[in-house]
Amino acid sequence: MPRTEDAQILKLLDDAADLTTGFPDSETARQFTHAFFRNASPAELQQRPPSRLAEAASSMWRFAESRTPGTAQIRILDGAETSAIEIVNDDMRFLVNSTTSALAGLGLDINLLVHPVLPIERDADGHLLGFTNNAAASR
């Protein structure tokens, strides 16, 4: 039986997935939203409304839709309340550690760290075809 906190997080992510935009269908939205936030701190997730989580998942999906093979894609979204750094790249060891260290060196705080490693399938031109929502594959 799932713990109450686990059930609350699952419901929060389901609610967020219902609010996402830009996905090919609702099942892809649900699977991606759950996979995207899989390793995020439950306590941090619970501090955010489903609409904010939906915005983050939708933004990353749209950003990841196309990427030149073998290159990293990075963008900074500067919002009124918070900013976000989105990175889409091949799996690179220590990228998160290096990025968080650089931000700390600039005196910037990280309010929520979302670091999914999702096996992505792309065509030869780098367009997103799908992803594997598999906890074992994403480690």
Protein backbone atom coordinates (compact mmCIF):
# COMPACT_ATOMS: atom_id res chain seq x y z
CA MET A 1 0.00 0.00 0.00
CA PRO A 2 1.46 3.42 -0.94
CA ARG A 3 2.30 5.82 1.84
CA THR A 4 -0.03 8.81 2.19
CA GLU A 5 2.73 11.15 1.00
CA ASP A 6 3.28 9.01 -2.10
CA ALA A 7 -0.44 9.05 -2.88
CA GLN A 8 -0.52 12.84 -2.43
CA ILE A 9 2.42 13.29 -4.81
CA LEU A 10 0.84 11.00 -7.40
CA LYS A 11 -2.39 13.01 -7.22
CA LEU A 12 -0.48 16.29 -7.43
CA LEU A 13 1.34 15.08 -10.54
CA ASP A 14 -1.88 13.75 -12.09
CA ASP A 15 -3.50 17.15 -11.47
CA ALA A 16 -0.49 18.88 -13.02
CA ALA A 17 -0.57 16.58 -16.05
CA ASP A 18 -4.22 17.51 -16.61
CA LEU A 19 -3.13 21.15 -16.95
CA THR A 20 -0.19 20.63 -19.31
CA THR A 21 -0.12 21.88 -22.89
CA GLY A 22 1.73 20.91 -26.05
CA PHE A 23 1.73 17.13 -25.60
CA PRO A 24 0.47 14.84 -28.36
CA ASP A 25 -2.10 13.26 -26.00
CA SER A 26 -3.12 13.14 -22.34
CA GLU A 27 -1.38 9.82 -21.63
CA THR A 28 1.95 11.15 -22.90
CA ALA A 29 1.42 14.25 -20.75
CA ARG A 30 0.74 12.13 -17.68
CA GLN A 31 3.69 9.80 -18.24
CA PHE A 32 6.10 12.64 -18.98
CA THR A 33 4.96 14.73 -16.00
CA HIS A 34 5.46 11.79 -13.63
CA ALA A 35 8.82 10.89 -15.17
CA PHE A 36 9.98 14.52 -15.22
CA PHE A 37 9.39 15.00 -11.48
CA ARG A 38 10.28 11.43 -10.43
CA ASN A 39 13.48 12.40 -8.58
CA ALA A 40 12.39 15.80 -7.29
CA SER A 41 11.97 16.34 -3.57
CA PRO A 42 8.40 15.47 -2.53
CA ALA A 43 8.45 18.27 0.04
CA GLU A 44 9.46 20.77 -2.65
CA LEU A 45 6.79 19.51 -5.05
CA GLN A 46 4.08 19.84 -2.41
CA GLN A 47 4.93 23.53 -2.01
CA ARG A 48 3.87 24.22 -5.61
CA PRO A 49 0.41 24.24 -7.13
CA PRO A 50 -0.33 21.84 -9.99
CA SER A 51 -0.40 24.78 -12.43
CA ARG A 52 3.27 25.62 -11.73
CA LEU A 53 4.32 21.99 -12.15
CA ALA A 54 2.30 21.81 -15.39
CA GLU A 55 4.07 24.92 -16.70
CA ALA A 56 7.48 23.40 -15.97
CA ALA A 57 6.67 20.03 -17.57
CA SER A 58 5.07 21.67 -20.63
CA SER A 59 7.98 24.05 -21.06
CA MET A 60 10.54 21.26 -20.94
CA TRP A 61 8.54 19.11 -23.37
CA ARG A 62 8.37 21.96 -25.90
CA PHE A 63 12.07 22.74 -25.41
CA ALA A 64 13.06 19.10 -25.88
CA GLU A 65 10.95 18.60 -29.02
CA SER A 66 13.90 19.31 -31.30
CA ARG A 67 17.64 19.18 -30.65
CA THR A 68 20.58 18.80 -32.98
CA PRO A 69 22.13 15.39 -32.24
CA GLY A 70 25.32 15.57 -30.17
CA THR A 71 24.73 19.12 -28.93
CA ALA A 72 23.48 20.54 -25.65
CA GLN A 73 20.51 22.88 -25.63
CA ILE A 74 20.34 25.40 -22.78
CA ARG A 75 17.93 28.22 -22.03
CA ILE A 76 17.24 30.49 -19.11
CA LEU A 77 13.68 31.53 -18.40
CA ASP A 78 13.53 34.67 -16.30
CA GLY A 79 10.19 34.91 -14.53
CA ALA A 80 8.72 37.49 -12.22
CA GLU A 81 9.06 35.29 -9.13
CA THR A 82 11.68 32.75 -10.14
CA SER A 83 13.94 31.85 -13.01
CA ALA A 84 14.53 28.45 -14.55
CA ILE A 85 17.43 26.87 -16.37
CA GLU A 86 16.45 24.15 -18.82
CA ILE A 87 19.08 21.85 -20.28
CA VAL A 88 18.48 19.14 -22.86
CA ASN A 89 21.53 17.07 -23.69
CA ASP A 90 22.98 13.62 -23.99
CA ASP A 91 23.67 12.09 -20.58
CA MET A 92 26.70 13.93 -19.18
CA ARG A 93 28.24 12.95 -15.88
CA PHE A 94 28.55 15.72 -13.32
CA LEU A 95 26.59 18.27 -15.39
CA VAL A 96 24.14 18.88 -12.56
CA ASN A 97 26.96 19.14 -9.99
CA SER A 98 28.87 21.58 -12.19
CA THR A 99 25.79 23.70 -12.86
CA THR A 100 24.68 23.86 -9.23
CA SER A 101 28.23 24.67 -8.18
CA ALA A 102 28.43 27.52 -10.71
CA LEU A 103 25.10 28.92 -9.49
CA ALA A 104 26.23 28.73 -5.87
CA GLY A 105 29.44 30.51 -6.84
CA LEU A 106 27.29 33.34 -8.19
CA GLY A 107 25.38 33.48 -4.90
CA LEU A 108 22.17 32.09 -6.44
CA ASP A 109 19.85 29.76 -4.55
CA ILE A 110 18.15 26.73 -6.06
CA ASN A 111 14.53 26.42 -4.96
CA LEU A 112 13.69 23.24 -6.85
CA LEU A 113 16.02 20.90 -8.68
CA VAL A 114 14.43 18.61 -11.25
CA HIS A 115 16.94 16.27 -12.85
CA PRO A 116 15.25 13.61 -14.91
CA VAL A 117 17.39 11.35 -17.01
CA LEU A 118 14.94 10.17 -19.64
CA PRO A 119 15.86 7.87 -22.49
CA ILE A 120 14.64 9.82 -25.51
CA GLU A 121 14.01 8.56 -29.00
CA ARG A 122 14.68 11.02 -31.84
CA ASP A 123 14.68 10.87 -35.61
CA ALA A 124 17.83 11.60 -37.66
CA ASP A 125 17.03 15.33 -37.62
CA GLY A 126 16.74 15.43 -33.82
CA HIS A 127 12.95 15.62 -33.53
CA LEU A 128 11.43 14.02 -30.46
CA LEU A 129 9.63 10.77 -31.25
CA GLY A 130 9.08 9.54 -27.71
CA PHE A 131 10.63 8.70 -24.38
CA THR A 132 10.88 5.77 -22.03
CA ASN A 133 9.02 6.24 -18.77
CA ASN A 134 10.99 3.60 -16.96
CA ALA A 135 12.60 4.20 -13.57
CA ALA A 136 15.32 1.63 -14.21
CA ALA A 137 16.16 3.07 -17.63
CA SER A 138 16.35 6.60 -16.28
CA ARG A 139 19.15 5.95 -13.82
